[in-house]
PDB file of all heavy atoms in Angstrom:
ATOM      1  N   ASP A   1      12.910   3.548  -2.676  1.00  0.00           N
ATOM      2  CA  ASP A   1      11.798   3.780  -1.751  1.00  0.00           C
ATOM      3  C   ASP A   1      11.160   2.452  -1.318  1.00  0.00           C
ATOM      4  O   ASP A   1      10.756   2.307  -0.147  1.00  0.00           O
ATOM      5  CB  ASP A   1      10.753   4.676  -2.408  1.00  0.00           C
ATOM      6  CG  ASP A   1      11.291   6.063  -2.691  1.00  0.00           C
ATOM      7  OD1 ASP A   1      11.697   6.754  -1.749  1.00  0.00           O
ATOM      8  OD2 ASP A   1      11.284   6.456  -3.877  1.00  0.00           O
ATOM      9  N   LEU A   2      11.082   1.500  -2.241  1.00  0.00           N
ATOM     10  CA  LEU A   2      10.503   0.209  -1.900  1.00  0.00           C
ATOM     11  C   LEU A   2      11.427  -0.595  -0.993  1.00  0.00           C
ATOM     12  O   LEU A   2      10.970  -1.284  -0.062  1.00  0.00           O
ATOM     13  CB  LEU A   2      10.191  -0.577  -3.167  1.00  0.00           C
ATOM     14  CG  LEU A   2       9.144   0.034  -4.106  1.00  0.00           C
ATOM     15  CD1 LEU A   2       8.835  -0.916  -5.244  1.00  0.00           C
ATOM     16  CD2 LEU A   2       7.867   0.386  -3.354  1.00  0.00           C
ATOM     17  N   LEU A   3      12.715  -0.526  -1.245  1.00  0.00           N
ATOM     18  CA  LEU A   3      13.671  -1.200  -0.365  1.00  0.00           C
ATOM     19  C   LEU A   3      13.588  -0.617   1.039  1.00  0.00           C
ATOM     20  O   LEU A   3      13.614  -1.363   2.037  1.00  0.00           O
ATOM     21  CB  LEU A   3      15.089  -1.040  -0.916  1.00  0.00           C
ATOM     22  CG  LEU A   3      15.420  -1.801  -2.205  1.00  0.00           C
ATOM     23  CD1 LEU A   3      16.777  -1.392  -2.743  1.00  0.00           C
ATOM     24  CD2 LEU A   3      15.374  -3.314  -1.941  1.00  0.00           C
ATOM     25  N   ALA A   4      13.457   0.702   1.130  1.00  0.00           N
ATOM     26  CA  ALA A   4      13.359   1.343   2.441  1.00  0.00           C
ATOM     27  C   ALA A   4      12.078   0.953   3.150  1.00  0.00           C
ATOM     28  O   ALA A   4      12.010   0.951   4.401  1.00  0.00           O
ATOM     29  CB  ALA A   4      13.430   2.864   2.291  1.00  0.00           C
ATOM     30  N   ALA A   5      11.039   0.587   2.370  1.00  0.00           N
ATOM     31  CA  ALA A   5       9.766   0.187   2.957  1.00  0.00           C
ATOM     32  C   ALA A   5       9.729  -1.303   3.301  1.00  0.00           C
ATOM     33  O   ALA A   5       8.708  -1.818   3.745  1.00  0.00           O
ATOM     34  CB  ALA A   5       8.622   0.513   1.996  1.00  0.00           C
ATOM     35  N   GLY A   6      10.829  -2.017   3.051  1.00  0.00           N
ATOM     36  CA  GLY A   6      10.919  -3.400   3.459  1.00  0.00           C
ATOM     37  C   GLY A   6      10.735  -4.438   2.368  1.00  0.00           C
ATOM     38  O   GLY A   6      10.716  -5.640   2.645  1.00  0.00           O
ATOM     39  N   ILE A   7      10.599  -4.019   1.096  1.00  0.00           N
ATOM     40  CA  ILE A   7      10.468  -4.987  -0.004  1.00  0.00           C
ATOM     41  C   ILE A   7      11.849  -5.546  -0.320  1.00  0.00           C
ATOM     42  O   ILE A   7      12.822  -4.808  -0.465  1.00  0.00           O
ATOM     43  CB  ILE A   7       9.860  -4.328  -1.250  1.00  0.00           C
ATOM     44  CG1 ILE A   7       8.485  -3.718  -0.925  1.00  0.00           C
ATOM     45  CG2 ILE A   7       9.726  -5.343  -2.382  1.00  0.00           C
ATOM     46  CD1 ILE A   7       7.477  -4.722  -0.440  1.00  0.00           C
ATOM     47  N   THR A   8      11.929  -6.851  -0.451  1.00  0.00           N
ATOM     48  CA  THR A   8      13.201  -7.514  -0.710  1.00  0.00           C
ATOM     49  C   THR A   8      13.678  -7.227  -2.134  1.00  0.00           C
ATOM     50  O   THR A   8      12.887  -7.199  -3.084  1.00  0.00           O
ATOM     51  CB  THR A   8      13.061  -9.029  -0.536  1.00  0.00           C
ATOM     52  OG1 THR A   8      12.555  -9.301   0.775  1.00  0.00           O
ATOM     53  CG2 THR A   8      14.415  -9.731  -0.707  1.00  0.00           C
ATOM     54  N   THR A   9      14.987  -7.022  -2.276  1.00  0.00           N
ATOM     55  CA  THR A   9      15.543  -6.750  -3.587  1.00  0.00           C
ATOM     56  C   THR A   9      15.282  -7.919  -4.538  1.00  0.00           C
ATOM     57  O   THR A   9      15.233  -9.059  -4.121  1.00  0.00           O
ATOM     58  CB  THR A   9      17.057  -6.462  -3.503  1.00  0.00           C
ATOM     59  OG1 THR A   9      17.509  -6.066  -4.797  1.00  0.00           O
ATOM     60  CG2 THR A   9      17.831  -7.690  -3.081  1.00  0.00           C
ATOM     61  N   GLY A  10      15.077  -7.620  -5.827  1.00  0.00           N
ATOM     62  CA  GLY A  10      14.807  -8.663  -6.793  1.00  0.00           C
ATOM     63  C   GLY A  10      13.745  -8.207  -7.781  1.00  0.00           C
ATOM     64  O   GLY A  10      13.340  -7.032  -7.814  1.00  0.00           O
ATOM     65  N   PRO A  11      13.227  -9.134  -8.600  1.00  0.00           N
ATOM     66  CA  PRO A  11      12.251  -8.787  -9.650  1.00  0.00           C
ATOM     67  C   PRO A  11      10.998  -8.136  -9.099  1.00  0.00           C
ATOM     68  O   PRO A  11      10.320  -7.369  -9.809  1.00  0.00           O
ATOM     69  CB  PRO A  11      11.919 -10.142 -10.287  1.00  0.00           C
ATOM     70  CG  PRO A  11      13.098 -11.013  -9.983  1.00  0.00           C
ATOM     71  CD  PRO A  11      13.590 -10.578  -8.653  1.00  0.00           C
ATOM     72  N   GLU A  12      10.658  -8.407  -7.845  1.00  0.00           N
ATOM     73  CA  GLU A  12       9.427  -7.869  -7.263  1.00  0.00           C
ATOM     74  C   GLU A  12       9.458  -6.353  -7.224  1.00  0.00           C
ATOM     75  O   GLU A  12       8.399  -5.703  -7.318  1.00  0.00           O
ATOM     76  CB  GLU A  12       9.209  -8.442  -5.863  1.00  0.00           C
ATOM     77  CG  GLU A  12       7.835  -8.073  -5.294  1.00  0.00           C
ATOM     78  CD  GLU A  12       7.577  -8.713  -3.937  1.00  0.00           C
ATOM     79  OE1 GLU A  12       8.405  -9.543  -3.499  1.00  0.00           O
ATOM     80  OE2 GLU A  12       6.544  -8.372  -3.340  1.00  0.00           O
ATOM     81  N   ILE A  13      10.638  -5.781  -7.101  1.00  0.00           N
ATOM     82  CA  ILE A  13      10.761  -4.321  -7.076  1.00  0.00           C
ATOM     83  C   ILE A  13      10.201  -3.738  -8.375  1.00  0.00           C
ATOM     84  O   ILE A  13       9.364  -2.840  -8.392  1.00  0.00           O
ATOM     85  CB  ILE A  13      12.212  -3.881  -6.894  1.00  0.00           C
ATOM     86  CG1 ILE A  13      12.754  -4.302  -5.512  1.00  0.00           C
ATOM     87  CG2 ILE A  13      12.361  -2.370  -7.087  1.00  0.00           C
ATOM     88  CD1 ILE A  13      12.195  -3.505  -4.365  1.00  0.00           C
ATOM     89  N   GLY A  14      10.659  -4.272  -9.514  1.00  0.00           N
ATOM     90  CA  GLY A  14      10.212  -3.793 -10.811  1.00  0.00           C
ATOM     91  C   GLY A  14       8.739  -4.040 -11.027  1.00  0.00           C
ATOM     92  O   GLY A  14       8.039  -3.198 -11.610  1.00  0.00           O
ATOM     93  N   GLN A  15       8.258  -5.190 -10.573  1.00  0.00           N
ATOM     94  CA  GLN A  15       6.842  -5.512 -10.745  1.00  0.00           C
ATOM     95  C   GLN A  15       5.954  -4.538  -9.987  1.00  0.00           C
ATOM     96  O   GLN A  15       4.925  -4.077 -10.497  1.00  0.00           O
ATOM     97  CB  GLN A  15       6.576  -6.943 -10.273  1.00  0.00           C
ATOM     98  CG  GLN A  15       7.239  -8.016 -11.132  1.00  0.00           C
ATOM     99  CD  GLN A  15       7.227  -9.378 -10.491  1.00  0.00           C
ATOM    100  OE1 GLN A  15       6.714  -9.542  -9.368  1.00  0.00           O
ATOM    101  NE2 GLN A  15       7.783 -10.350 -11.181  1.00  0.00           N
ATOM    102  N   ARG A  16       6.352  -4.194  -8.774  1.00  0.00           N
ATOM    103  CA  ARG A  16       5.541  -3.273  -7.971  1.00  0.00           C
ATOM    104  C   ARG A  16       5.574  -1.853  -8.559  1.00  0.00           C
ATOM    105  O   ARG A  16       4.556  -1.153  -8.557  1.00  0.00           O
ATOM    106  CB  ARG A  16       6.037  -3.255  -6.522  1.00  0.00           C
ATOM    107  CG  ARG A  16       5.704  -4.553  -5.771  1.00  0.00           C
ATOM    108  CD  ARG A  16       6.241  -4.537  -4.352  1.00  0.00           C
ATOM    109  NE  ARG A  16       5.889  -5.768  -3.634  1.00  0.00           N
ATOM    110  CZ  ARG A  16       4.733  -5.967  -2.986  1.00  0.00           C
ATOM    111  NH1 ARG A  16       3.829  -5.009  -2.943  1.00  0.00           N
ATOM    112  NH2 ARG A  16       4.499  -7.102  -2.375  1.00  0.00           N
ATOM    113  N   LEU A  17       6.753  -1.435  -9.064  1.00  0.00           N
ATOM    114  CA  LEU A  17       6.828  -0.120  -9.703  1.00  0.00           C
ATOM    115  C   LEU A  17       5.957  -0.087 -10.951  1.00  0.00           C
ATOM    116  O   LEU A  17       5.311   0.925 -11.259  1.00  0.00           O
ATOM    117  CB  LEU A  17       8.269   0.205 -10.069  1.00  0.00           C
ATOM    118  CG  LEU A  17       9.229   0.507  -8.907  1.00  0.00           C
ATOM    119  CD1 LEU A  17      10.659   0.656  -9.411  1.00  0.00           C
ATOM    120  CD2 LEU A  17       8.800   1.763  -8.152  1.00  0.00           C
ATOM    121  N   SER A  18       5.918  -1.207 -11.676  1.00  0.00           N
ATOM    122  CA  SER A  18       5.084  -1.275 -12.882  1.00  0.00           C
ATOM    123  C   SER A  18       3.601  -1.142 -12.532  1.00  0.00           C
ATOM    124  O   SER A  18       2.843  -0.479 -13.243  1.00  0.00           O
ATOM    125  CB  SER A  18       5.345  -2.597 -13.606  1.00  0.00           C
ATOM    126  OG  SER A  18       4.537  -2.709 -14.756  1.00  0.00           O
ATOM    127  N   VAL A  19       3.175  -1.804 -11.424  1.00  0.00           N
ATOM    128  CA  VAL A  19       1.786  -1.675 -10.981  1.00  0.00           C
ATOM    129  C   VAL A  19       1.453  -0.210 -10.671  1.00  0.00           C
ATOM    130  O   VAL A  19       0.401   0.303 -11.064  1.00  0.00           O
ATOM    131  CB  VAL A  19       1.537  -2.576  -9.767  1.00  0.00           C
ATOM    132  CG1 VAL A  19       0.188  -2.231  -9.123  1.00  0.00           C
ATOM    133  CG2 VAL A  19       1.559  -4.043 -10.160  1.00  0.00           C
ATOM    134  N   ALA A  20       2.365   0.458  -9.964  1.00  0.00           N
ATOM    135  CA  ALA A  20       2.118   1.847  -9.582  1.00  0.00           C
ATOM    136  C   ALA A  20       2.044   2.743 -10.839  1.00  0.00           C
ATOM    137  O   ALA A  20       1.180   3.625 -10.934  1.00  0.00           O
ATOM    138  CB  ALA A  20       3.218   2.341  -8.668  1.00  0.00           C
ATOM    139  N   LEU A  21       2.930   2.487 -11.801  1.00  0.00           N
ATOM    140  CA  LEU A  21       2.907   3.292 -13.033  1.00  0.00           C
ATOM    141  C   LEU A  21       1.621   3.067 -13.808  1.00  0.00           C
ATOM    142  O   LEU A  21       1.018   4.017 -14.327  1.00  0.00           O
ATOM    143  CB  LEU A  21       4.123   2.949 -13.902  1.00  0.00           C
ATOM    144  CG  LEU A  21       4.227   3.711 -15.224  1.00  0.00           C
ATOM    145  CD1 LEU A  21       4.282   5.212 -14.992  1.00  0.00           C
ATOM    146  CD2 LEU A  21       5.415   3.239 -16.052  1.00  0.00           C
ATOM    147  N   THR A  22       1.175   1.796 -13.889  1.00  0.00           N
ATOM    148  CA  THR A  22      -0.062   1.490 -14.598  1.00  0.00           C
ATOM    149  C   THR A  22      -1.240   2.250 -13.992  1.00  0.00           C
ATOM    150  O   THR A  22      -2.046   2.853 -14.708  1.00  0.00           O
ATOM    151  CB  THR A  22      -0.332  -0.020 -14.565  1.00  0.00           C
ATOM    152  OG1 THR A  22       0.689  -0.670 -15.320  1.00  0.00           O
ATOM    153  CG2 THR A  22      -1.692  -0.338 -15.173  1.00  0.00           C
ATOM    154  N   ARG A  23      -1.325   2.225 -12.695  1.00  0.00           N
ATOM    155  CA  ARG A  23      -2.436   2.918 -12.013  1.00  0.00           C
ATOM    156  C   ARG A  23      -2.342   4.439 -12.192  1.00  0.00           C
ATOM    157  O   ARG A  23      -3.341   5.114 -12.328  1.00  0.00           O
ATOM    158  CB  ARG A  23      -2.463   2.525 -10.554  1.00  0.00           C
ATOM    159  CG  ARG A  23      -2.780   1.046 -10.312  1.00  0.00           C
ATOM    160  CD  ARG A  23      -2.962   0.729  -8.849  1.00  0.00           C
ATOM    161  NE  ARG A  23      -4.111   1.472  -8.294  1.00  0.00           N
ATOM    162  CZ  ARG A  23      -4.417   1.519  -6.995  1.00  0.00           C
ATOM    163  NH1 ARG A  23      -3.660   0.836  -6.126  1.00  0.00           N
ATOM    164  NH2 ARG A  23      -5.452   2.212  -6.571  1.00  0.00           N
ATOM    165  N   LYS A  24      -1.117   4.948 -12.191  1.00  0.00           N
ATOM    166  CA  LYS A  24      -0.935   6.385 -12.408  1.00  0.00           C
ATOM    167  C   LYS A  24      -1.368   6.769 -13.828  1.00  0.00           C
ATOM    168  O   LYS A  24      -2.059   7.770 -14.035  1.00  0.00           O
ATOM    169  CB  LYS A  24       0.508   6.788 -12.162  1.00  0.00           C
ATOM    170  CG  LYS A  24       0.775   8.286 -12.326  1.00  0.00           C
ATOM    171  CD  LYS A  24       2.181   8.660 -11.865  1.00  0.00           C
ATOM    172  CE  LYS A  24       2.381  10.174 -11.938  1.00  0.00           C
ATOM    173  NZ  LYS A  24       3.684  10.589 -11.400  1.00  0.00           N
ATOM    174  N   LEU A  25      -0.954   5.975 -14.822  1.00  0.00           N
ATOM    175  CA  LEU A  25      -1.334   6.247 -16.198  1.00  0.00           C
ATOM    176  C   LEU A  25      -2.842   6.216 -16.396  1.00  0.00           C
ATOM    177  O   LEU A  25      -3.399   7.034 -17.142  1.00  0.00           O
ATOM    178  CB  LEU A  25      -0.680   5.212 -17.122  1.00  0.00           C
ATOM    179  CG  LEU A  25       0.837   5.343 -17.335  1.00  0.00           C
ATOM    180  CD1 LEU A  25       1.393   4.054 -17.928  1.00  0.00           C
ATOM    181  CD2 LEU A  25       1.142   6.517 -18.259  1.00  0.00           C
ATOM    182  N   ASP A  26      -3.496   5.305 -15.720  1.00  0.00           N
ATOM    183  CA  ASP A  26      -4.947   5.150 -15.885  1.00  0.00           C
ATOM    184  C   ASP A  26      -5.748   6.075 -14.977  1.00  0.00           C
ATOM    185  O   ASP A  26      -6.987   5.971 -14.894  1.00  0.00           O
ATOM    186  CB  ASP A  26      -5.339   3.695 -15.617  1.00  0.00           C
ATOM    187  CG  ASP A  26      -4.831   2.760 -16.697  1.00  0.00           C
ATOM    188  OD1 ASP A  26      -4.508   3.244 -17.787  1.00  0.00           O
ATOM    189  OD2 ASP A  26      -4.718   1.537 -16.437  1.00  0.00           O
ATOM    190  N   GLY A  27      -5.077   6.996 -14.281  1.00  0.00           N
ATOM    191  CA  GLY A  27      -5.757   8.010 -13.489  1.00  0.00           C
ATOM    192  C   GLY A  27      -6.359   7.482 -12.205  1.00  0.00           C
ATOM    193  O   GLY A  27      -7.298   8.086 -11.666  1.00  0.00           O
ATOM    194  N   GLU A  28      -5.821   6.386 -11.671  1.00  0.00           N
ATOM    195  CA  GLU A  28      -6.382   5.790 -10.451  1.00  0.00           C
ATOM    196  C   GLU A  28      -5.708   6.283  -9.194  1.00  0.00           C
ATOM    197  O   GLU A  28      -6.121   5.893  -8.080  1.00  0.00           O
ATOM    198  CB  GLU A  28      -6.239   4.264 -10.545  1.00  0.00           C
ATOM    199  CG  GLU A  28      -7.019   3.631 -11.697  1.00  0.00           C
ATOM    200  CD  GLU A  28      -6.796   2.142 -11.809  1.00  0.00           C
ATOM    201  OE1 GLU A  28      -6.068   1.583 -10.950  1.00  0.00           O
ATOM    202  OE2 GLU A  28      -7.329   1.533 -12.758  1.00  0.00           O
ATOM    203  N   LEU A  29      -4.678   7.092  -9.310  1.00  0.00           N
ATOM    204  CA  LEU A  29      -3.936   7.545  -8.142  1.00  0.00           C
ATOM    205  C   LEU A  29      -4.057   9.056  -7.964  1.00  0.00           C
ATOM    206  O   LEU A  29      -4.137   9.806  -8.929  1.00  0.00           O
ATOM    207  CB  LEU A  29      -2.449   7.193  -8.279  1.00  0.00           C
ATOM    208  CG  LEU A  29      -2.054   5.726  -8.424  1.00  0.00           C
ATOM    209  CD1 LEU A  29      -0.545   5.601  -8.478  1.00  0.00           C
ATOM    210  CD2 LEU A  29      -2.629   4.897  -7.290  1.00  0.00           C
ATOM    211  N   GLU A  30      -4.043   9.470  -6.699  1.00  0.00           N
ATOM    212  CA  GLU A  30      -3.896  10.871  -6.421  1.00  0.00           C
ATOM    213  C   GLU A  30      -2.465  11.279  -6.731  1.00  0.00           C
ATOM    214  O   GLU A  30      -1.566  10.443  -6.809  1.00  0.00           O
ATOM    215  CB  GLU A  30      -4.228  11.145  -4.946  1.00  0.00           C
ATOM    216  CG  GLU A  30      -5.658  10.836  -4.567  1.00  0.00           C
ATOM    217  CD  GLU A  30      -5.891  11.056  -3.061  1.00  0.00           C
ATOM    218  OE1 GLU A  30      -4.911  11.423  -2.374  1.00  0.00           O
ATOM    219  OE2 GLU A  30      -7.024  10.847  -2.608  1.00  0.00           O
ATOM    220  N   ASP A  31      -2.240  12.563  -6.869  1.00  0.00           N
ATOM    221  CA  ASP A  31      -0.891  13.045  -7.146  1.00  0.00           C
ATOM    222  C   ASP A  31       0.007  12.849  -5.918  1.00  0.00           C
ATOM    223  O   ASP A  31      -0.467  12.896  -4.777  1.00  0.00           O
ATOM    224  CB  ASP A  31      -0.904  14.528  -7.512  1.00  0.00           C
ATOM    225  CG  ASP A  31      -1.565  14.765  -8.868  1.00  0.00           C
ATOM    226  OD1 ASP A  31      -1.620  13.807  -9.673  1.00  0.00           O
ATOM    227  OD2 ASP A  31      -2.019  15.902  -9.107  1.00  0.00           O
ATOM    228  N   GLY A  32       1.285  12.615  -6.204  1.00  0.00           N
ATOM    229  CA  GLY A  32       2.266  12.620  -5.119  1.00  0.00           C
ATOM    230  C   GLY A  32       2.897  11.271  -4.836  1.00  0.00           C
ATOM    231  O   GLY A  32       2.388  10.205  -5.206  1.00  0.00           O
ATOM    232  N   ARG A  33       4.013  11.318  -4.139  1.00  0.00           N
ATOM    233  CA  ARG A  33       4.791  10.131  -3.813  1.00  0.00           C
ATOM    234  C   ARG A  33       4.037   9.168  -2.913  1.00  0.00           C
ATOM    235  O   ARG A  33       4.154   7.946  -3.063  1.00  0.00           O
ATOM    236  CB  ARG A  33       6.092  10.542  -3.126  1.00  0.00           C
ATOM    237  CG  ARG A  33       7.071  11.298  -4.012  1.00  0.00           C
ATOM    238  CD  ARG A  33       8.232  11.855  -3.196  1.00  0.00           C
ATOM    239  NE  ARG A  33       8.865  10.814  -2.388  1.00  0.00           N
ATOM    240  CZ  ARG A  33       9.790   9.965  -2.832  1.00  0.00           C
ATOM    241  NH1 ARG A  33      10.219  10.089  -4.092  1.00  0.00           N
ATOM    242  NH2 ARG A  33      10.303   9.045  -2.055  1.00  0.00           N
ATOM    243  N   ASP A  34       3.268   9.680  -1.952  1.00  0.00           N
ATOM    244  CA  ASP A  34       2.607   8.809  -0.992  1.00  0.00           C
ATOM    245  C   ASP A  34       1.618   7.879  -1.687  1.00  0.00           C
ATOM    246  O   ASP A  34       1.566   6.670  -1.379  1.00  0.00           O
ATOM    247  CB  ASP A  34       1.882   9.637   0.068  1.00  0.00           C
ATOM    248  CG  ASP A  34       2.850  10.364   0.997  1.00  0.00           C
ATOM    249  OD1 ASP A  34       4.048   9.979   1.012  1.00  0.00           O
ATOM    250  OD2 ASP A  34       2.411  11.315   1.687  1.00  0.00           O
ATOM    251  N   ALA A  35       0.839   8.415  -2.633  1.00  0.00           N
ATOM    252  CA  ALA A  35      -0.129   7.593  -3.342  1.00  0.00           C
ATOM    253  C   ALA A  35       0.587   6.557  -4.201  1.00  0.00           C
ATOM    254  O   ALA A  35       0.143   5.392  -4.292  1.00  0.00           O
ATOM    255  CB  ALA A  35      -1.032   8.473  -4.221  1.00  0.00           C
ATOM    256  N   GLU A  36       1.687   6.916  -4.820  1.00  0.00           N
ATOM    257  CA  GLU A  36       2.445   5.964  -5.626  1.00  0.00           C
ATOM    258  C   GLU A  36       3.026   4.862  -4.751  1.00  0.00           C
ATOM    259  O   GLU A  36       2.993   3.677  -5.119  1.00  0.00           O
ATOM    260  CB  GLU A  36       3.572   6.685  -6.364  1.00  0.00           C
ATOM    261  CG  GLU A  36       3.087   7.646  -7.454  1.00  0.00           C
ATOM    262  CD  GLU A  36       4.224   8.403  -8.141  1.00  0.00           C
ATOM    263  OE1 GLU A  36       5.396   8.086  -7.831  1.00  0.00           O
ATOM    264  OE2 GLU A  36       3.925   9.300  -8.953  1.00  0.00           O
ATOM    265  N   LEU A  37       3.556   5.216  -3.609  1.00  0.00           N
ATOM    266  CA  LEU A  37       4.149   4.215  -2.728  1.00  0.00           C
ATOM    267  C   LEU A  37       3.083   3.248  -2.222  1.00  0.00           C
ATOM    268  O   LEU A  37       3.317   2.021  -2.151  1.00  0.00           O
ATOM    269  CB  LEU A  37       4.887   4.906  -1.561  1.00  0.00           C
ATOM    270  CG  LEU A  37       5.668   3.999  -0.633  1.00  0.00           C
ATOM    271  CD1 LEU A  37       6.702   3.197  -1.399  1.00  0.00           C
ATOM    272  CD2 LEU A  37       6.308   4.819   0.491  1.00  0.00           C
ATOM    273  N   ARG A  38       1.938   3.775  -1.845  1.00  0.00           N
ATOM    274  CA  ARG A  38       0.843   2.876  -1.368  1.00  0.00           C
ATOM    275  C   ARG A  38       0.466   1.898  -2.493  1.00  0.00           C
ATOM    276  O   ARG A  38       0.257   0.705  -2.234  1.00  0.00           O
ATOM    277  CB  ARG A  38      -0.370   3.702  -0.952  1.00  0.00           C
ATOM    278  CG  ARG A  38      -0.209   4.394   0.396  1.00  0.00           C
ATOM    279  CD  ARG A  38      -1.561   4.873   0.920  1.00  0.00           C
ATOM    280  NE  ARG A  38      -2.221   5.812   0.003  1.00  0.00           N
ATOM    281  CZ  ARG A  38      -2.012   7.111   0.026  1.00  0.00           C
ATOM    282  NH1 ARG A  38      -1.179   7.639   0.885  1.00  0.00           N
ATOM    283  NH2 ARG A  38      -2.652   7.902  -0.829  1.00  0.00           N
ATOM    284  N   ALA A  39       0.353   2.397  -3.722  1.00  0.00           N
ATOM    285  CA  ALA A  39      -0.029   1.525  -4.832  1.00  0.00           C
ATOM    286  C   ALA A  39       1.026   0.434  -5.060  1.00  0.00           C
ATOM    287  O   ALA A  39       0.692  -0.712  -5.326  1.00  0.00           O
ATOM    288  CB  ALA A  39      -0.203   2.353  -6.111  1.00  0.00           C
ATOM    289  N   ALA A  40       2.301   0.795  -4.932  1.00  0.00           N
ATOM    290  CA  ALA A  40       3.357  -0.185  -5.145  1.00  0.00           C
ATOM    291  C   ALA A  40       3.365  -1.233  -4.015  1.00  0.00           C
ATOM    292  O   ALA A  40       3.671  -2.400  -4.258  1.00  0.00           O
ATOM    293  CB  ALA A  40       4.704   0.534  -5.205  1.00  0.00           C
ATOM    294  N   LEU A  41       3.036  -0.806  -2.816  1.00  0.00           N
ATOM    295  CA  LEU A  41       3.065  -1.737  -1.681  1.00  0.00           C
ATOM    296  C   LEU A  41       1.826  -2.657  -1.629  1.00  0.00           C
ATOM    297  O   LEU A  41       1.854  -3.704  -1.017  1.00  0.00           O
ATOM    298  CB  LEU A  41       3.200  -0.959  -0.379  1.00  0.00           C
ATOM    299  CG  LEU A  41       4.524  -0.199  -0.187  1.00  0.00           C
ATOM    300  CD1 LEU A  41       4.496   0.631   1.095  1.00  0.00           C
ATOM    301  CD2 LEU A  41       5.686  -1.188  -0.156  1.00  0.00           C
ATOM    302  N   GLU A  42       0.760  -2.215  -2.280  1.00  0.00           N
ATOM    303  CA  GLU A  42      -0.476  -3.006  -2.240  1.00  0.00           C
ATOM    304  C   GLU A  42      -0.397  -4.265  -3.059  1.00  0.00           C
ATOM    305  O   GLU A  42      -1.145  -5.210  -2.815  1.00  0.00           O
ATOM    306  CB  GLU A  42      -1.642  -2.127  -2.724  1.00  0.00           C
ATOM    307  CG  GLU A  42      -2.079  -1.108  -1.710  1.00  0.00           C
ATOM    308  CD  GLU A  42      -3.103  -0.130  -2.254  1.00  0.00           C
ATOM    309  OE1 GLU A  42      -3.488  -0.295  -3.450  1.00  0.00           O
ATOM    310  OE2 GLU A  42      -3.501   0.803  -1.560  1.00  0.00           O
TER     311      GLU A  42
END
């Protein structure tokens, strides 16, 4: 999903997914793919 959104392949992919997971675990995201994708892209 991140590659499709224009993020270059490499370590940054994992870092952005980690940010999204952290925010999801801490209850900072609404449910659903769109909120996760926005968090990863931010």
